[in-house]
Amino acid sequence: MQLSDDTTAVLSALNEAVEGGLRKLDDIGVLLELAATHEESDLFNNTVRTGTALWKVHSTLRRLQRGDEGFRQLEQEFALQINELREHLAQLMHHADDTTLHRFDDIYFGMSQGVVRNLIDIAHDLHSIKKLQM
């Protein structure tokens, strides 16, 4: 997918503003481009909020051990946030070309540990964007 000059400029600024840079730079660019091109700013903002929630739950889970109080509930919340983020990504992908859709399908919509790690990485980036908005 070809990114517009405006999206490329925003993506570059975001990447520079985030300590260590964005983990899924190209994919964030695709999401920004699709949201801007198809007037889906509300959906993009919902995606940012969901990614932020996923990142926070993931960060908390990493500090706990199985059997700790609240661990089970956080695991359930983690699964809910994963599914909600996938739903938001799928809604944005309705506007994508076949190549982009196929790539996102492989990276974010499969059922493997790698897919979960990719979702966590993009959640990190969305959380970073949310922090910059504040």
Protein backbone atom coordinates (compact mmCIF):
# COMPACT_ATOMS: atom_id res chain seq x y z
CA MET A 1 0.00 0.00 0.00
CA GLN A 2 1.33 3.39 -0.98
CA LEU A 3 1.33 5.94 1.86
CA SER A 4 0.58 9.58 1.16
CA ASP A 5 3.17 12.26 1.90
CA ASP A 6 1.05 13.46 4.83
CA THR A 7 0.87 9.98 6.36
CA THR A 8 4.59 9.49 5.83
CA ALA A 9 5.31 12.78 7.62
CA VAL A 10 3.04 11.90 10.56
CA LEU A 11 4.54 8.42 10.78
CA SER A 12 8.05 9.82 10.80
CA ALA A 13 7.17 12.28 13.57
CA LEU A 14 5.56 9.54 15.64
CA ASN A 15 8.51 7.23 15.16
CA GLU A 16 10.92 9.93 16.32
CA ALA A 17 8.75 10.88 19.31
CA VAL A 18 8.46 7.31 20.64
CA GLU A 19 11.46 6.21 22.66
CA GLY A 20 13.05 3.34 20.75
CA GLY A 21 10.74 3.95 17.79
CA LEU A 22 7.59 2.18 16.73
CA ARG A 23 7.73 -1.62 16.64
CA LYS A 24 5.27 -1.96 13.74
CA LEU A 25 6.09 1.19 11.82
CA ASP A 26 4.77 0.06 8.43
CA ASP A 27 1.56 -1.33 9.87
CA ILE A 28 0.83 1.83 11.86
CA GLY A 29 1.36 3.71 8.59
CA VAL A 30 -1.22 1.50 6.87
CA LEU A 31 -3.73 2.09 9.68
CA LEU A 32 -3.17 5.84 9.56
CA GLU A 33 -3.53 5.91 5.77
CA LEU A 34 -6.70 3.83 5.76
CA ALA A 35 -8.27 5.87 8.55
CA ALA A 36 -7.43 9.18 6.87
CA THR A 37 -8.37 8.14 3.35
CA HIS A 38 -11.72 6.63 4.34
CA GLU A 39 -12.66 9.11 7.08
CA GLU A 40 -12.44 6.52 9.84
CA SER A 41 -10.95 8.73 12.58
CA ASP A 42 -13.39 7.40 15.20
CA LEU A 43 -12.47 3.82 14.35
CA PHE A 44 -8.76 4.69 14.50
CA ASN A 45 -9.26 6.36 17.90
CA ASN A 46 -11.12 3.28 19.13
CA THR A 47 -8.25 1.14 17.87
CA VAL A 48 -5.80 3.33 19.78
CA ARG A 49 -7.87 3.01 22.97
CA THR A 50 -8.15 -0.76 22.61
CA GLY A 51 -4.44 -1.12 21.88
CA THR A 52 -3.69 0.97 24.96
CA ALA A 53 -5.93 -1.23 27.11
CA LEU A 54 -4.30 -4.38 25.72
CA TRP A 55 -0.82 -3.02 26.40
CA LYS A 56 -1.73 -2.12 29.99
CA VAL A 57 -3.24 -5.55 30.70
CA HIS A 58 -0.24 -7.26 29.11
CA SER A 59 2.17 -5.15 31.17
CA THR A 60 0.33 -6.04 34.38
CA LEU A 61 0.19 -9.75 33.50
CA ARG A 62 3.96 -9.81 32.96
CA ARG A 63 4.46 -8.73 36.58
CA LEU A 64 2.19 -11.44 38.00
CA GLN A 65 2.60 -15.17 38.28
CA ARG A 66 -0.02 -17.80 37.57
CA GLY A 67 -1.99 -18.29 40.78
CA ASP A 68 -1.59 -14.69 41.97
CA GLU A 69 -4.76 -12.90 42.97
CA GLY A 70 -6.49 -11.45 39.93
CA PHE A 71 -4.33 -13.33 37.42
CA ARG A 72 -7.25 -15.31 36.00
CA GLN A 73 -9.37 -12.19 35.54
CA LEU A 74 -6.48 -10.41 33.80
CA GLU A 75 -6.01 -13.38 31.49
CA GLN A 76 -9.67 -13.14 30.53
CA GLU A 77 -9.40 -9.38 30.01
CA PHE A 78 -6.29 -9.94 27.90
CA ALA A 79 -8.22 -12.34 25.63
CA LEU A 80 -11.11 -9.87 25.35
CA GLN A 81 -8.78 -7.00 24.43
CA ILE A 82 -6.95 -9.17 21.85
CA ASN A 83 -10.27 -9.96 20.17
CA GLU A 84 -11.45 -6.36 20.28
CA LEU A 85 -8.20 -5.13 18.73
CA ARG A 86 -8.54 -7.73 15.99
CA GLU A 87 -12.09 -6.54 15.32
CA HIS A 88 -10.93 -2.93 14.95
CA LEU A 89 -8.09 -3.95 12.65
CA ALA A 90 -10.51 -6.03 10.56
CA GLN A 91 -12.87 -3.07 10.22
CA LEU A 92 -10.04 -0.87 8.94
CA MET A 93 -8.91 -3.66 6.59
CA HIS A 94 -12.27 -3.49 4.78
CA HIS A 95 -10.72 -0.56 2.92
CA ALA A 96 -7.36 -2.22 2.18
CA ASP A 97 -6.14 -3.67 -1.10
CA ASP A 98 -5.79 -7.45 -1.40
CA THR A 99 -2.03 -7.49 -0.80
CA THR A 100 -2.31 -5.47 2.40
CA LEU A 101 -5.29 -7.49 3.57
CA HIS A 102 -3.40 -10.75 2.99
CA ARG A 103 -0.36 -9.45 4.89
CA PHE A 104 -2.47 -8.30 7.85
CA ASP A 105 -4.32 -11.63 7.79
CA ASP A 106 -1.00 -13.48 8.19
CA ILE A 107 0.35 -11.13 10.85
CA TYR A 108 -2.68 -10.32 13.04
CA PHE A 109 -5.55 -12.72 12.37
CA GLY A 110 -3.96 -16.15 12.67
CA MET A 111 -3.96 -18.40 15.72
CA SER A 112 -0.34 -18.66 16.82
CA GLN A 113 2.01 -17.32 19.47
CA GLY A 114 3.64 -15.17 16.79
CA VAL A 115 0.30 -13.51 16.03
CA VAL A 116 -0.20 -12.74 19.73
CA ARG A 117 3.28 -11.20 19.89
CA ASN A 118 2.49 -9.10 16.80
CA LEU A 119 -0.73 -7.88 18.42
CA ILE A 120 1.20 -6.98 21.57
CA ASP A 121 3.76 -5.09 19.48
CA ILE A 122 1.12 -3.07 17.66
CA ALA A 123 -0.65 -2.49 21.00
CA HIS A 124 2.63 -1.03 22.28
CA ASP A 125 2.70 1.37 19.34
CA LEU A 126 -0.95 2.34 19.78
CA HIS A 127 -0.31 2.94 23.49
CA SER A 128 2.66 5.13 22.57
CA ILE A 129 0.46 7.14 20.20
CA LYS A 130 -2.13 7.54 22.96
CA LYS A 131 0.55 8.87 25.34
CA LEU A 132 1.60 11.41 22.71
CA GLN A 133 -2.02 12.56 22.32
CA MET A 134 -2.17 13.44 26.01
